Protein backbone atom coordinates (compact mmCIF):
# COMPACT_ATOMS: atom_id res chain seq x y z
CA MET A 1 106.06 108.26 96.42
CA PHE A 2 106.77 111.31 94.23
CA GLU A 3 106.98 113.61 97.27
CA ILE A 4 109.41 111.24 98.98
CA LEU A 5 111.61 111.11 95.88
CA LYS A 6 111.41 114.88 95.51
CA GLY A 7 112.50 115.26 99.13
CA LEU A 8 115.54 113.07 98.52
CA LEU A 9 116.47 114.87 95.32
CA VAL A 10 116.09 118.35 96.80
CA GLY A 11 117.24 117.69 100.36
CA LYS A 12 120.07 115.22 99.85
CA LEU A 13 121.23 115.66 96.25
CA LYS A 14 120.68 119.43 96.16
CA VAL A 15 118.56 119.42 92.98
CA ALA A 16 116.69 122.71 92.53
CA GLU A 17 113.13 122.15 93.74
CA GLU A 18 111.55 123.83 90.71
CA LEU A 19 113.26 121.32 88.41
CA VAL A 20 111.72 118.28 90.10
CA THR A 21 108.46 117.43 88.34
CA PRO A 22 107.13 114.01 87.34
CA GLU A 23 107.86 114.81 83.69
CA ALA A 24 111.43 116.03 84.28
CA THR A 25 114.09 113.87 82.69
CA ILE A 26 117.25 112.76 84.43
CA GLU A 27 119.09 115.27 82.24
CA ASP A 28 116.65 118.04 83.23
CA ILE A 29 117.50 117.58 86.90
CA GLU A 30 121.19 117.14 86.06
CA LEU A 31 121.79 113.72 87.59
CA ASP A 32 124.92 111.97 86.41
CA SER A 33 125.78 108.31 86.94
CA LEU A 34 127.42 108.99 90.30
CA ALA A 35 124.32 110.85 91.51
CA LEU A 36 122.15 107.90 90.42
CA VAL A 37 124.27 105.53 92.52
CA GLU A 38 123.94 107.91 95.46
CA LEU A 39 120.17 108.11 94.90
CA ALA A 40 119.91 104.31 94.92
CA LEU A 41 121.74 104.23 98.25
CA LEU A 42 119.52 106.97 99.69
CA ILE A 43 116.36 105.14 98.62
CA GLU A 44 117.59 101.98 100.30
CA GLN A 45 118.72 103.76 103.49
CA ASP A 46 115.65 105.96 103.88
CA LEU A 47 112.94 103.62 102.62
CA GLY A 48 114.43 100.17 102.98
CA VAL A 49 113.72 99.63 99.29
CA SER A 50 116.48 98.18 97.14
CA VAL A 51 116.62 99.80 93.71
CA ASP A 52 119.24 98.57 91.26
CA GLU A 53 121.50 101.30 89.87
CA ASP A 54 121.13 99.85 86.37
CA GLU A 55 117.35 100.15 86.62
CA LEU A 56 117.73 103.75 87.74
CA ALA A 57 120.05 104.42 84.81
CA ASP A 58 117.34 103.09 82.47
CA ALA A 59 114.74 105.43 83.96
CA TRP A 60 114.01 108.37 81.69
CA THR A 61 111.93 110.62 83.95
CA VAL A 62 111.35 111.34 87.62
CA ASP A 63 108.01 109.55 87.25
CA ASP A 64 109.85 106.45 85.97
CA ILE A 65 111.95 106.46 89.14
CA THR A 66 108.82 106.90 91.25
CA GLN A 67 107.20 103.91 89.55
CA LEU A 68 110.34 101.84 90.05
CA MET A 69 110.35 102.73 93.75
CA SER A 70 106.68 101.76 94.04
CA GLU A 71 107.24 98.44 92.27
CA GLN A 72 110.21 97.58 94.49
CA SER A 73 108.31 98.70 97.58
CA ASN A 74 105.47 96.32 96.68
CA CYS A 75 107.98 93.48 96.27
CA VAL A 76 109.27 94.11 99.79
CA SER A 77 105.81 94.25 101.39
């Protein structure tokens, strides 16, 4: 799931690839609230997984987002 998220961040949101690590914080990769909303939409469009923007806003690291995606993906399955 990390590689999928990294692909979205780098490919769609134009985050520098070297910044995207599991430990990177939302601030480290320079995502603002608008980018988080866009990321939620991308996750839903590309993966069919609905992730709430508020839950994304509460995520501290890239790994937190990955875990949230996995949890939501399991709920859909």
